[in-house]
Amino acid sequence: MDEKIVLTRQQILSSALKVSKCRSLVKRRFQSLGLKYADSQEVRDRLTKIEKNAFHHLGKFCQSNDIDSLFSMAN
């Protein structure tokens, strides 16, 4: 599960999306990861935890336009 999504600061700020669209994109991405890699309950639980964390930081970014919240998601 070494798949990475890389966006530059300019890409993020220049193509601001509605919160619902961002959440939908993240949800679809995690669903595809789950379908490809989730062969055990442990992996599914880990993906769920990462997905919730992503939604948290995405919501924080959409409310405050604080790019650091997205960078903290990567850590």
PDB file of N, CA and C in Angstrom:
ATOM      1  N   MET A   1       0.837  -1.178   0.000  1.00  0.00           N
ATOM      2  CA  MET A   1       0.000   0.000   0.000  1.00  0.00           C
ATOM      3  C   MET A   1       0.882   1.241   0.000  1.00  0.00           C
ATOM      4  N   ASP A   2       1.798   1.341  -0.942  1.00  0.00           N
ATOM      5  CA  ASP A   2       2.719   2.459  -1.028  1.00  0.00           C
ATOM      6  C   ASP A   2       2.254   3.505  -2.024  1.00  0.00           C
ATOM      7  N   GLU A   3       0.981   3.599  -2.249  1.00  0.00           N
ATOM      8  CA  GLU A   3       0.440   4.548  -3.205  1.00  0.00           C
ATOM      9  C   GLU A   3       0.410   5.934  -2.574  1.00  0.00           C
ATOM     10  N   LYS A   4       0.868   6.935  -3.317  1.00  0.00           N
ATOM     11  CA  LYS A   4       0.905   8.301  -2.799  1.00  0.00           C
ATOM     12  C   LYS A   4       0.179   9.232  -3.752  1.00  0.00           C
ATOM     13  N   ILE A   5      -0.425  10.247  -3.176  1.00  0.00           N
ATOM     14  CA  ILE A   5      -1.048  11.313  -3.944  1.00  0.00           C
ATOM     15  C   ILE A   5      -0.245  12.565  -3.652  1.00  0.00           C
ATOM     16  N   VAL A   6       0.308  13.188  -4.676  1.00  0.00           N
ATOM     17  CA  VAL A   6       1.154  14.359  -4.483  1.00  0.00           C
ATOM     18  C   VAL A   6       0.524  15.549  -5.193  1.00  0.00           C
ATOM     19  N   LEU A   7       0.278  16.600  -4.442  1.00  0.00           N
ATOM     20  CA  LEU A   7      -0.236  17.851  -4.983  1.00  0.00           C
ATOM     21  C   LEU A   7       0.647  18.988  -4.512  1.00  0.00           C
ATOM     22  N   THR A   8       0.860  19.954  -5.374  1.00  0.00           N
ATOM     23  CA  THR A   8       1.617  21.132  -4.959  1.00  0.00           C
ATOM     24  C   THR A   8       0.676  22.118  -4.292  1.00  0.00           C
ATOM     25  N   ARG A   9       1.242  23.039  -3.577  1.00  0.00           N
ATOM     26  CA  ARG A   9       0.449  24.073  -2.913  1.00  0.00           C
ATOM     27  C   ARG A   9      -0.376  24.839  -3.950  1.00  0.00           C
ATOM     28  N   GLN A  10       0.238  25.153  -5.075  1.00  0.00           N
ATOM     29  CA  GLN A  10      -0.450  25.900  -6.134  1.00  0.00           C
ATOM     30  C   GLN A  10      -1.644  25.122  -6.683  1.00  0.00           C
ATOM     31  N   GLN A  11      -1.485  23.820  -6.874  1.00  0.00           N
ATOM     32  CA  GLN A  11      -2.588  23.002  -7.377  1.00  0.00           C
ATOM     33  C   GLN A  11      -3.760  23.005  -6.407  1.00  0.00           C
ATOM     34  N   ILE A  12      -3.465  22.920  -5.141  1.00  0.00           N
ATOM     35  CA  ILE A  12      -4.530  22.883  -4.140  1.00  0.00           C
ATOM     36  C   ILE A  12      -5.275  24.209  -4.097  1.00  0.00           C
ATOM     37  N   LEU A  13      -4.532  25.303  -4.045  1.00  0.00           N
ATOM     38  CA  LEU A  13      -5.161  26.610  -3.901  1.00  0.00           C
ATOM     39  C   LEU A  13      -5.816  27.089  -5.193  1.00  0.00           C
ATOM     40  N   SER A  14      -5.285  26.707  -6.337  1.00  0.00           N
ATOM     41  CA  SER A  14      -5.846  27.187  -7.598  1.00  0.00           C
ATOM     42  C   SER A  14      -7.104  26.439  -8.003  1.00  0.00           C
ATOM     43  N   SER A  15      -7.307  25.277  -7.474  1.00  0.00           N
ATOM     44  CA  SER A  15      -8.489  24.503  -7.855  1.00  0.00           C
ATOM     45  C   SER A  15      -9.308  24.144  -6.628  1.00  0.00           C
ATOM     46  N   ALA A  16      -9.666  25.157  -5.874  1.00  0.00           N
ATOM     47  CA  ALA A  16     -10.466  24.924  -4.668  1.00  0.00           C
ATOM     48  C   ALA A  16     -11.819  24.337  -5.060  1.00  0.00           C
ATOM     49  N   LEU A  17     -12.180  23.280  -4.407  1.00  0.00           N
ATOM     50  CA  LEU A  17     -13.436  22.602  -4.685  1.00  0.00           C
ATOM     51  C   LEU A  17     -14.385  22.778  -3.511  1.00  0.00           C
ATOM     52  N   LYS A  18     -15.646  22.539  -3.758  1.00  0.00           N
ATOM     53  CA  LYS A  18     -16.604  22.541  -2.667  1.00  0.00           C
ATOM     54  C   LYS A  18     -16.261  21.405  -1.706  1.00  0.00           C
ATOM     55  N   VAL A  19     -16.613  21.594  -0.454  1.00  0.00           N
ATOM     56  CA  VAL A  19     -16.317  20.587   0.565  1.00  0.00           C
ATOM     57  C   VAL A  19     -16.922  19.240   0.184  1.00  0.00           C
ATOM     58  N   SER A  20     -18.146  19.245  -0.274  1.00  0.00           N
ATOM     59  CA  SER A  20     -18.800  17.972  -0.604  1.00  0.00           C
ATOM     60  C   SER A  20     -18.086  17.261  -1.750  1.00  0.00           C
ATOM     61  N   LYS A  21     -17.604  18.019  -2.733  1.00  0.00           N
ATOM     62  CA  LYS A  21     -16.884  17.400  -3.852  1.00  0.00           C
ATOM     63  C   LYS A  21     -15.551  16.830  -3.373  1.00  0.00           C
ATOM     64  N   CYS A  22     -14.849  17.565  -2.510  1.00  0.00           N
ATOM     65  CA  CYS A  22     -13.583  17.071  -1.963  1.00  0.00           C
ATOM     66  C   CYS A  22     -13.808  15.786  -1.175  1.00  0.00           C
ATOM     67  N   ARG A  23     -14.829  15.791  -0.338  1.00  0.00           N
ATOM     68  CA  ARG A  23     -15.125  14.603   0.461  1.00  0.00           C
ATOM     69  C   ARG A  23     -15.463  13.421  -0.442  1.00  0.00           C
ATOM     70  N   SER A  24     -16.200  13.686  -1.506  1.00  0.00           N
ATOM     71  CA  SER A  24     -16.568  12.628  -2.437  1.00  0.00           C
ATOM     72  C   SER A  24     -15.333  12.042  -3.118  1.00  0.00           C
ATOM     73  N   LEU A  25     -14.406  12.902  -3.521  1.00  0.00           N
ATOM     74  CA  LEU A  25     -13.178  12.422  -4.155  1.00  0.00           C
ATOM     75  C   LEU A  25     -12.351  11.571  -3.199  1.00  0.00           C
ATOM     76  N   VAL A  26     -12.234  12.018  -1.951  1.00  0.00           N
ATOM     77  CA  VAL A  26     -11.479  11.253  -0.952  1.00  0.00           C
ATOM     78  C   VAL A  26     -12.167   9.913  -0.701  1.00  0.00           C
ATOM     79  N   LYS A  27     -13.477   9.942  -0.575  1.00  0.00           N
ATOM     80  CA  LYS A  27     -14.241   8.714  -0.321  1.00  0.00           C
ATOM     81  C   LYS A  27     -14.038   7.700  -1.452  1.00  0.00           C
ATOM     82  N   ARG A  28     -14.133   8.162  -2.698  1.00  0.00           N
ATOM     83  CA  ARG A  28     -13.935   7.252  -3.831  1.00  0.00           C
ATOM     84  C   ARG A  28     -12.524   6.684  -3.851  1.00  0.00           C
ATOM     85  N   ARG A  29     -11.554   7.515  -3.521  1.00  0.00           N
ATOM     86  CA  ARG A  29     -10.160   7.068  -3.528  1.00  0.00           C
ATOM     87  C   ARG A  29      -9.947   5.970  -2.487  1.00  0.00           C
ATOM     88  N   PHE A  30     -10.505   6.168  -1.298  1.00  0.00           N
ATOM     89  CA  PHE A  30     -10.349   5.160  -0.255  1.00  0.00           C
ATOM     90  C   PHE A  30     -11.130   3.894  -0.585  1.00  0.00           C
ATOM     91  N   GLN A  31     -12.257   4.027  -1.256  1.00  0.00           N
ATOM     92  CA  GLN A  31     -12.996   2.832  -1.664  1.00  0.00           C
ATOM     93  C   GLN A  31     -12.183   2.015  -2.657  1.00  0.00           C
ATOM     94  N   SER A  32     -11.512   2.691  -3.590  1.00  0.00           N
ATOM     95  CA  SER A  32     -10.704   1.938  -4.554  1.00  0.00           C
ATOM     96  C   SER A  32      -9.502   1.291  -3.875  1.00  0.00           C
ATOM     97  N   LEU A  33      -8.914   1.977  -2.901  1.00  0.00           N
ATOM     98  CA  LEU A  33      -7.816   1.368  -2.143  1.00  0.00           C
ATOM     99  C   LEU A  33      -8.304   0.143  -1.391  1.00  0.00           C
ATOM    100  N   GLY A  34      -9.471   0.262  -0.795  1.00  0.00           N
ATOM    101  CA  GLY A  34     -10.031  -0.853  -0.045  1.00  0.00           C
ATOM    102  C   GLY A  34     -10.300  -2.058  -0.926  1.00  0.00           C
ATOM    103  N   LEU A  35     -10.821  -1.810  -2.113  1.00  0.00           N
ATOM    104  CA  LEU A  35     -11.107  -2.911  -3.028  1.00  0.00           C
ATOM    105  C   LEU A  35      -9.835  -3.601  -3.490  1.00  0.00           C
ATOM    106  N   LYS A  36      -8.768  -2.841  -3.655  1.00  0.00           N
ATOM    107  CA  LYS A  36      -7.519  -3.421  -4.138  1.00  0.00           C
ATOM    108  C   LYS A  36      -6.752  -4.168  -3.055  1.00  0.00           C
ATOM    109  N   TYR A  37      -6.727  -3.618  -1.851  1.00  0.00           N
ATOM    110  CA  TYR A  37      -5.774  -4.100  -0.850  1.00  0.00           C
ATOM    111  C   TYR A  37      -6.379  -4.711   0.408  1.00  0.00           C
ATOM    112  N   ALA A  38      -7.633  -4.478   0.680  1.00  0.00           N
ATOM    113  CA  ALA A  38      -8.202  -4.903   1.958  1.00  0.00           C
ATOM    114  C   ALA A  38      -8.525  -6.389   1.948  1.00  0.00           C
ATOM    115  N   ASP A  39      -7.538  -7.182   2.315  1.00  0.00           N
ATOM    116  CA  ASP A  39      -7.759  -8.620   2.364  1.00  0.00           C
ATOM    117  C   ASP A  39      -7.946  -9.118   3.790  1.00  0.00           C
ATOM    118  N   SER A  40      -7.833  -8.222   4.755  1.00  0.00           N
ATOM    119  CA  SER A  40      -8.046  -8.617   6.144  1.00  0.00           C
ATOM    120  C   SER A  40      -8.760  -7.495   6.892  1.00  0.00           C
ATOM    121  N   GLN A  41      -9.330  -7.836   8.011  1.00  0.00           N
ATOM    122  CA  GLN A  41     -10.034  -6.850   8.828  1.00  0.00           C
ATOM    123  C   GLN A  41      -9.072  -5.783   9.333  1.00  0.00           C
ATOM    124  N   GLU A  42      -7.856  -6.175   9.634  1.00  0.00           N
ATOM    125  CA  GLU A  42      -6.849  -5.226  10.119  1.00  0.00           C
ATOM    126  C   GLU A  42      -6.573  -4.132   9.079  1.00  0.00           C
ATOM    127  N   VAL A  43      -6.457  -4.523   7.825  1.00  0.00           N
ATOM    128  CA  VAL A  43      -6.205  -3.554   6.751  1.00  0.00           C
ATOM    129  C   VAL A  43      -7.416  -2.647   6.565  1.00  0.00           C
ATOM    130  N   ARG A  44      -8.617  -3.215   6.601  1.00  0.00           N
ATOM    131  CA  ARG A  44      -9.833  -2.403   6.465  1.00  0.00           C
ATOM    132  C   ARG A  44      -9.949  -1.406   7.607  1.00  0.00           C
ATOM    133  N   ASP A  45      -9.632  -1.837   8.823  1.00  0.00           N
ATOM    134  CA  ASP A  45      -9.681  -0.929   9.972  1.00  0.00           C
ATOM    135  C   ASP A  45      -8.671   0.200   9.833  1.00  0.00           C
ATOM    136  N   ARG A  46      -7.494  -0.139   9.345  1.00  0.00           N
ATOM    137  CA  ARG A  46      -6.449   0.877   9.156  1.00  0.00           C
ATOM    138  C   ARG A  46      -6.870   1.896   8.091  1.00  0.00           C
ATOM    139  N   LEU A  47      -7.438   1.417   6.989  1.00  0.00           N
ATOM    140  CA  LEU A  47      -7.927   2.322   5.945  1.00  0.00           C
ATOM    141  C   LEU A  47      -9.032   3.233   6.468  1.00  0.00           C
ATOM    142  N   THR A  48      -9.918   2.691   7.285  1.00  0.00           N
ATOM    143  CA  THR A  48     -10.995   3.488   7.863  1.00  0.00           C
ATOM    144  C   THR A  48     -10.440   4.585   8.753  1.00  0.00           C
ATOM    145  N   LYS A  49      -9.443   4.256   9.556  1.00  0.00           N
ATOM    146  CA  LYS A  49      -8.821   5.241  10.438  1.00  0.00           C
ATOM    147  C   LYS A  49      -8.144   6.356   9.629  1.00  0.00           C
ATOM    148  N   ILE A  50      -7.419   5.972   8.581  1.00  0.00           N
ATOM    149  CA  ILE A  50      -6.747   6.961   7.730  1.00  0.00           C
ATOM    150  C   ILE A  50      -7.779   7.836   7.016  1.00  0.00           C
ATOM    151  N   GLU A  51      -8.867   7.223   6.562  1.00  0.00           N
ATOM    152  CA  GLU A  51      -9.920   7.966   5.870  1.00  0.00           C
ATOM    153  C   GLU A  51     -10.558   9.003   6.793  1.00  0.00           C
ATOM    154  N   LYS A  52     -10.851   8.621   8.031  1.00  0.00           N
ATOM    155  CA  LYS A  52     -11.435   9.564   8.991  1.00  0.00           C
ATOM    156  C   LYS A  52     -10.486  10.722   9.258  1.00  0.00           C
ATOM    157  N   ASN A  53      -9.196  10.419   9.372  1.00  0.00           N
ATOM    158  CA  ASN A  53      -8.194  11.457   9.580  1.00  0.00           C
ATOM    159  C   ASN A  53      -8.152  12.407   8.376  1.00  0.00           C
ATOM    160  N   ALA A  54      -8.241  11.847   7.176  1.00  0.00           N
ATOM    161  CA  ALA A  54      -8.239  12.669   5.958  1.00  0.00           C
ATOM    162  C   ALA A  54      -9.455  13.587   5.925  1.00  0.00           C
ATOM    163  N   PHE A  55     -10.631  13.067   6.279  1.00  0.00           N
ATOM    164  CA  PHE A  55     -11.837  13.895   6.313  1.00  0.00           C
ATOM    165  C   PHE A  55     -11.705  15.022   7.336  1.00  0.00           C
ATOM    166  N   HIS A  56     -11.115  14.711   8.475  1.00  0.00           N
ATOM    167  CA  HIS A  56     -10.927  15.723   9.519  1.00  0.00           C
ATOM    168  C   HIS A  56     -10.072  16.879   9.005  1.00  0.00           C
ATOM    169  N   HIS A  57      -8.924  16.549   8.427  1.00  0.00           N
ATOM    170  CA  HIS A  57      -8.015  17.589   7.945  1.00  0.00           C
ATOM    171  C   HIS A  57      -8.565  18.311   6.718  1.00  0.00           C
ATOM    172  N   LEU A  58      -9.292  17.604   5.879  1.00  0.00           N
ATOM    173  CA  LEU A  58      -9.910  18.229   4.717  1.00  0.00           C
ATOM    174  C   LEU A  58     -10.961  19.247   5.150  1.00  0.00           C
ATOM    175  N   GLY A  59     -11.779  18.873   6.121  1.00  0.00           N
ATOM    176  CA  GLY A  59     -12.785  19.801   6.644  1.00  0.00           C
ATOM    177  C   GLY A  59     -12.153  21.029   7.256  1.00  0.00           C
ATOM    178  N   LYS A  60     -11.074  20.814   7.986  1.00  0.00           N
ATOM    179  CA  LYS A  60     -10.342  21.918   8.602  1.00  0.00           C
ATOM    180  C   LYS A  60      -9.802  22.866   7.533  1.00  0.00           C
ATOM    181  N   PHE A  61      -9.252  22.302   6.458  1.00  0.00           N
ATOM    182  CA  PHE A  61      -8.722  23.121   5.366  1.00  0.00           C
ATOM    183  C   PHE A  61      -9.837  23.906   4.681  1.00  0.00           C
ATOM    184  N   CYS A  62     -10.966  23.254   4.411  1.00  0.00           N
ATOM    185  CA  CYS A  62     -12.060  23.916   3.705  1.00  0.00           C
ATOM    186  C   CYS A  62     -12.685  25.038   4.529  1.00  0.00           C
ATOM    187  N   GLN A  63     -12.650  24.927   5.851  1.00  0.00           N
ATOM    188  CA  GLN A  63     -13.209  25.970   6.700  1.00  0.00           C
ATOM    189  C   GLN A  63     -12.280  27.156   6.853  1.00  0.00           C
ATOM    190  N   SER A  64     -10.982  26.895   6.917  1.00  0.00           N
ATOM    191  CA  SER A  64     -10.048  27.973   7.244  1.00  0.00           C
ATOM    192  C   SER A  64      -9.031  28.277   6.149  1.00  0.00           C
ATOM    193  N   ASN A  65      -9.025  27.493   5.069  1.00  0.00           N
ATOM    194  CA  ASN A  65      -8.020  27.632   4.002  1.00  0.00           C
ATOM    195  C   ASN A  65      -6.601  27.579   4.551  1.00  0.00           C
ATOM    196  N   ASP A  66      -6.422  26.802   5.607  1.00  0.00           N
ATOM    197  CA  ASP A  66      -5.109  26.647   6.228  1.00  0.00           C
ATOM    198  C   ASP A  66      -4.409  25.454   5.587  1.00  0.00           C
ATOM    199  N   ILE A  67      -3.461  25.739   4.730  1.00  0.00           N
ATOM    200  CA  ILE A  67      -2.764  24.691   3.986  1.00  0.00           C
ATOM    201  C   ILE A  67      -1.998  23.751   4.918  1.00  0.00           C
ATOM    202  N   ASP A  68      -1.596  24.243   6.084  1.00  0.00           N
ATOM    203  CA  ASP A  68      -0.854  23.405   7.027  1.00  0.00           C
ATOM    204  C   ASP A  68      -1.683  22.215   7.512  1.00  0.00           C
ATOM    205  N   SER A  69      -3.008  22.372   7.542  1.00  0.00           N
ATOM    206  CA  SER A  69      -3.845  21.242   7.959  1.00  0.00           C
ATOM    207  C   SER A  69      -3.744  20.092   6.958  1.00  0.00           C
ATOM    208  N   LEU A  70      -3.599  20.411   5.665  1.00  0.00           N
ATOM    209  CA  LEU A  70      -3.415  19.346   4.674  1.00  0.00           C
ATOM    210  C   LEU A  70      -2.029  18.738   4.772  1.00  0.00           C
ATOM    211  N   PHE A  71      -1.031  19.566   5.041  1.00  0.00           N
ATOM    212  CA  PHE A  71       0.322  19.036   5.191  1.00  0.00           C
ATOM    213  C   PHE A  71       0.410  18.130   6.415  1.00  0.00           C
ATOM    214  N   SER A  72      -0.312  18.460   7.487  1.00  0.00           N
ATOM    215  CA  SER A  72      -0.278  17.608   8.675  1.00  0.00           C
ATOM    216  C   SER A  72      -0.951  16.264   8.399  1.00  0.00           C
ATOM    217  N   MET A  73      -1.875  16.238   7.442  1.00  0.00           N
ATOM    218  CA  MET A  73      -2.520  14.978   7.078  1.00  0.00           C
ATOM    219  C   MET A  73      -1.506  14.023   6.453  1.00  0.00           C
ATOM    220  N   ALA A  74      -0.539  14.566   5.754  1.00  0.00           N
ATOM    221  CA  ALA A  74       0.463  13.731   5.093  1.00  0.00           C
ATOM    222  C   ALA A  74       1.405  13.073   6.090  1.00  0.00           C
ATOM    223  N   ASN A  75       1.495  13.610   7.285  1.00  0.00           N
ATOM    224  CA  ASN A  75       2.409  13.047   8.291  1.00  0.00           C
ATOM    225  C   ASN A  75       1.746  11.991   9.055  1.00  0.00           C
TER     226      ASN A  75
END
